[in-house]
Amino acid sequence: MPETLLGAPRPEPAGRILQPARHGYVPGLGERTRVREMLTYLASALPQFTSPAARLLALQCALRSDTHGHLTVADGLLRSMRLRGRRELWLELAQAGWLEAARIRPGSVAVRLLDATVLGQAPGRDARRRAAHWALHPAPLVLPAAAPAALRLTALVLASHSFSAAVKTGDMDAVSRLCGHSAQQTAELLDRLVAARTLANWHHHQDTNEMLWQLPQQPGISANRGM
């Protein structure tokens, strides 16, 4: 289980995320790490067949909840995610035993998370909210909000692994698990990200199961899926 999901909240030095440190600071690095860890947690906590849209919603709920697992999800947030009015997503997460939608009414949804793992998260709520906001616009792999949820989740997973290197790497099975897809489905989604020019290219090394991807306008590998 990711370390930041366990134990009592630990105080953070003021400005640790918002202000660049003098040595090796990468903007958004803390947010990427928290999102990646939460996606890893959700990959274990939710059923494998949970839809990409429900996973994106669960991610926002987990990062924005208080220490009692309560939060109110405003319509504005759901509208920005193109998930407003999608009651079936709340039902999907409720049937998985992960949350309880205590009240769904015009303007907001009151939610209580049922998994005790998310109740004692560290760091504090402000840092997690910054991570939740970054997950809505996961630079450098930002897709239009109208893009299908499966594509947005795949781009978010890749962005959470993308730091400063021009060429990014990851394990194909691990990436697929975070996306809630099979390796074949993930490969198809990666091809769609290349077609949309969100990625320059990507490549899967069958012998090691390592995958590499490259962002647009970054010199580096010259690799295509079929290589």
Protein backbone atom coordinates (compact mmCIF):
# COMPACT_ATOMS: atom_id res chain seq x y z
CA MET A 1 0.00 0.00 0.00
CA PRO A 2 1.42 3.45 -0.84
CA GLU A 3 3.19 5.00 2.14
CA THR A 4 1.28 8.28 1.96
CA LEU A 5 -2.03 6.49 2.52
CA LEU A 6 -1.02 5.09 5.89
CA GLY A 7 -0.69 6.55 9.35
CA ALA A 8 -1.63 9.89 10.81
CA PRO A 9 -1.23 13.02 8.67
CA ARG A 10 2.26 14.48 8.82
CA PRO A 11 2.75 18.26 8.72
CA GLU A 12 4.51 19.64 5.67
CA PRO A 13 6.89 22.59 5.68
CA ALA A 14 5.16 25.73 4.45
CA GLY A 15 5.61 26.27 0.73
CA ARG A 16 7.01 22.81 0.10
CA ILE A 17 4.80 22.31 -2.95
CA LEU A 18 3.97 25.83 -4.02
CA GLN A 19 7.44 27.34 -3.84
CA PRO A 20 10.39 25.90 -5.79
CA ALA A 21 13.16 24.47 -3.68
CA ARG A 22 16.67 25.43 -4.58
CA HIS A 23 17.89 21.93 -5.39
CA GLY A 24 16.23 19.90 -8.14
CA TYR A 25 12.66 21.14 -7.69
CA VAL A 26 10.26 19.84 -10.36
CA PRO A 27 6.93 21.73 -10.53
CA GLY A 28 4.06 19.36 -9.81
CA LEU A 29 6.33 16.55 -8.63
CA GLY A 30 4.51 16.15 -5.31
CA GLU A 31 1.14 16.19 -7.03
CA ARG A 32 2.26 13.58 -9.56
CA THR A 33 3.51 11.33 -6.78
CA ARG A 34 0.28 11.58 -4.79
CA VAL A 35 -1.88 10.91 -7.84
CA ARG A 36 0.25 7.93 -8.84
CA GLU A 37 0.06 6.48 -5.33
CA MET A 38 -3.71 6.99 -5.20
CA LEU A 39 -4.16 5.36 -8.60
CA THR A 40 -2.12 2.42 -7.30
CA TYR A 41 -4.36 2.19 -4.25
CA LEU A 42 -7.53 2.34 -6.38
CA ALA A 43 -6.21 -0.41 -8.65
CA SER A 44 -6.25 -2.68 -5.59
CA ALA A 45 -9.33 -1.32 -3.84
CA LEU A 46 -11.75 -1.28 -6.79
CA PRO A 47 -12.91 -4.26 -8.86
CA GLN A 48 -10.91 -4.80 -12.03
CA PHE A 49 -13.97 -4.12 -14.20
CA THR A 50 -14.55 -0.64 -12.68
CA SER A 51 -15.05 1.82 -15.55
CA PRO A 52 -12.48 4.54 -16.34
CA ALA A 53 -15.05 7.26 -15.56
CA ALA A 54 -15.73 5.74 -12.13
CA ARG A 55 -11.98 5.51 -11.46
CA LEU A 56 -11.54 9.20 -12.29
CA LEU A 57 -14.42 10.05 -9.97
CA ALA A 58 -13.05 7.83 -7.18
CA LEU A 59 -9.65 9.50 -7.50
CA GLN A 60 -11.16 12.95 -6.95
CA CYS A 61 -13.23 11.71 -3.99
CA ALA A 62 -10.26 10.03 -2.31
CA LEU A 63 -8.01 13.07 -2.68
CA ARG A 64 -10.65 15.59 -1.58
CA SER A 65 -12.22 13.75 1.38
CA ASP A 66 -11.71 14.82 4.99
CA THR A 67 -10.30 12.63 7.77
CA HIS A 68 -13.73 11.07 8.30
CA GLY A 69 -14.08 10.13 4.63
CA HIS A 70 -16.74 12.78 4.01
CA LEU A 71 -16.89 15.26 1.15
CA THR A 72 -19.38 17.21 -0.91
CA VAL A 73 -18.81 17.01 -4.65
CA ALA A 74 -20.05 20.17 -6.34
CA ASP A 75 -21.76 20.11 -9.72
CA GLY A 76 -19.06 22.43 -11.02
CA LEU A 77 -16.39 19.77 -10.52
CA LEU A 78 -18.55 17.08 -12.11
CA ARG A 79 -19.34 19.37 -15.03
CA SER A 80 -15.64 20.09 -15.61
CA MET A 81 -15.02 16.33 -15.73
CA ARG A 82 -18.02 15.77 -18.04
CA LEU A 83 -19.49 13.49 -15.35
CA ARG A 84 -22.43 15.61 -14.20
CA GLY A 85 -25.66 13.63 -14.11
CA ARG A 86 -23.84 10.29 -14.36
CA ARG A 87 -25.66 8.63 -11.46
CA GLU A 88 -24.60 5.21 -12.67
CA LEU A 89 -21.01 6.04 -11.64
CA TRP A 90 -22.05 6.63 -8.04
CA LEU A 91 -23.99 3.38 -8.14
CA GLU A 92 -20.99 1.57 -9.58
CA LEU A 93 -18.73 2.72 -6.73
CA ALA A 94 -21.44 2.04 -4.16
CA GLN A 95 -21.96 -1.50 -5.43
CA ALA A 96 -18.21 -2.03 -5.11
CA GLY A 97 -18.60 -1.16 -1.41
CA TRP A 98 -16.18 1.75 -1.75
CA LEU A 99 -18.46 4.71 -1.02
CA GLU A 100 -21.95 5.73 -0.08
CA ALA A 101 -23.65 8.57 -1.93
CA ALA A 102 -25.61 9.89 1.02
CA ARG A 103 -27.41 12.60 -0.92
CA ILE A 104 -27.65 13.37 -4.62
CA ARG A 105 -29.45 16.62 -5.32
CA PRO A 106 -29.18 19.57 -7.71
CA GLY A 107 -25.93 21.39 -7.01
CA SER A 108 -23.93 18.74 -5.18
CA VAL A 109 -23.49 15.15 -4.08
CA ALA A 110 -22.72 14.33 -0.44
CA VAL A 111 -20.41 11.32 -0.20
CA ARG A 112 -19.01 9.09 2.52
CA LEU A 113 -16.05 6.83 1.70
CA LEU A 114 -16.30 3.36 3.23
CA ASP A 115 -12.72 2.11 2.87
CA ALA A 116 -10.84 2.84 6.10
CA THR A 117 -7.55 2.99 4.17
CA VAL A 118 -8.30 6.48 2.86
CA LEU A 119 -9.26 7.94 6.25
CA GLY A 120 -5.77 8.40 7.69
CA GLN A 121 -4.05 9.77 4.62
CA ALA A 122 -0.86 11.77 4.81
CA PRO A 123 0.01 14.44 3.76
CA GLY A 124 -2.74 16.86 4.75
CA ARG A 125 -5.89 17.78 2.89
CA ASP A 126 -4.53 20.94 1.25
CA ALA A 127 -1.71 19.03 -0.44
CA ARG A 128 -4.12 16.34 -1.56
CA ARG A 129 -6.48 18.96 -2.99
CA ARG A 130 -3.60 20.36 -5.05
CA ALA A 131 -3.01 16.85 -6.35
CA ALA A 132 -6.72 16.51 -7.16
CA HIS A 133 -6.60 19.78 -9.10
CA TRP A 134 -3.49 18.66 -11.00
CA ALA A 135 -5.26 15.41 -11.92
CA LEU A 136 -7.90 17.46 -13.75
CA HIS A 137 -5.19 19.02 -15.97
CA PRO A 138 -2.26 16.56 -15.81
CA ALA A 139 0.42 18.48 -17.65
CA PRO A 140 2.14 17.62 -19.91
CA LEU A 141 -0.57 15.19 -21.10
CA VAL A 142 -3.68 17.36 -21.00
CA LEU A 143 -6.65 16.20 -23.07
CA PRO A 144 -9.89 18.10 -23.74
CA ALA A 145 -12.50 17.44 -21.07
CA ALA A 146 -14.76 16.08 -23.81
CA ALA A 147 -12.28 13.27 -24.57
CA PRO A 148 -13.46 9.77 -23.59
CA ALA A 149 -12.82 8.88 -19.95
CA ALA A 150 -10.67 5.90 -20.97
CA LEU A 151 -8.30 8.20 -22.87
CA ARG A 152 -8.22 10.77 -20.06
CA LEU A 153 -7.40 8.10 -17.47
CA THR A 154 -4.63 6.65 -19.65
CA ALA A 155 -3.12 10.11 -20.17
CA LEU A 156 -3.34 10.76 -16.42
CA VAL A 157 -1.55 7.50 -15.60
CA LEU A 158 1.26 8.36 -18.02
CA ALA A 159 1.48 11.95 -16.74
CA SER A 160 1.79 10.69 -13.15
CA HIS A 161 4.91 8.79 -14.27
CA SER A 162 6.33 11.64 -16.38
CA PHE A 163 8.88 13.85 -14.67
CA SER A 164 11.83 15.55 -16.34
CA ALA A 165 13.21 12.97 -18.77
CA ALA A 166 12.36 13.31 -22.45
CA VAL A 167 11.68 9.59 -22.73
CA LYS A 168 9.43 8.03 -20.09
CA THR A 169 9.41 4.39 -19.11
CA GLY A 170 7.12 2.06 -17.21
CA ASP A 171 6.03 -1.55 -16.91
CA MET A 172 3.25 -2.41 -19.36
CA ASP A 173 1.33 -4.60 -16.91
CA ALA A 174 1.59 -1.98 -14.15
CA VAL A 175 0.35 0.81 -16.43
CA SER A 176 -2.51 -1.39 -17.67
CA ARG A 177 -3.51 -2.23 -14.10
CA LEU A 178 -3.69 1.48 -13.17
CA CYS A 179 -5.82 2.11 -16.26
CA GLY A 180 -8.13 -0.80 -15.42
CA HIS A 181 -7.53 -2.37 -18.84
CA SER A 182 -5.86 -5.35 -20.40
CA ALA A 183 -2.48 -4.78 -22.04
CA GLN A 184 -4.16 -5.01 -25.45
CA GLN A 185 -6.73 -2.36 -24.57
CA THR A 186 -3.99 -0.12 -23.16
CA ALA A 187 -2.00 -0.48 -26.38
CA GLU A 188 -5.03 0.61 -28.39
CA LEU A 189 -5.51 3.65 -26.15
CA LEU A 190 -1.84 4.57 -26.49
CA ASP A 191 -2.21 4.40 -30.27
CA ARG A 192 -5.16 6.79 -29.98
CA LEU A 193 -3.06 9.19 -27.89
CA VAL A 194 -0.42 9.14 -30.62
CA ALA A 195 -3.09 9.75 -33.27
CA ALA A 196 -4.33 12.71 -31.22
CA ARG A 197 -0.71 13.98 -30.98
CA THR A 198 -0.83 13.87 -27.20
CA LEU A 199 2.08 11.43 -27.44
CA ALA A 200 4.76 11.55 -30.11
CA ASN A 201 5.19 7.77 -30.05
CA TRP A 202 5.42 4.78 -27.77
CA HIS A 203 7.03 1.35 -27.80
CA HIS A 204 6.59 -1.91 -25.90
CA HIS A 205 9.65 -4.13 -25.37
CA GLN A 206 8.08 -7.59 -25.38
CA ASP A 207 11.10 -9.31 -23.83
CA THR A 208 11.25 -7.09 -20.72
CA ASN A 209 7.61 -5.86 -20.75
CA GLU A 210 8.99 -2.32 -20.50
CA MET A 211 7.12 0.41 -22.33
CA LEU A 212 8.53 3.74 -23.39
CA TRP A 213 6.66 6.84 -24.45
CA GLN A 214 7.73 10.22 -25.76
CA LEU A 215 5.99 13.55 -25.56
CA PRO A 216 5.57 15.74 -28.66
CA GLN A 217 8.39 18.11 -29.61
CA GLN A 218 10.94 16.28 -27.49
CA PRO A 219 13.95 14.81 -29.29
CA GLY A 220 14.79 11.32 -28.17
CA ILE A 221 13.77 7.89 -29.31
CA SER A 222 12.57 7.11 -32.78
CA ALA A 223 10.30 4.26 -31.85
CA ASN A 224 6.96 3.05 -33.05
CA ARG A 225 4.77 0.37 -31.59
CA GLY A 226 5.64 -2.14 -34.26
CA MET A 227 9.41 -1.85 -33.88
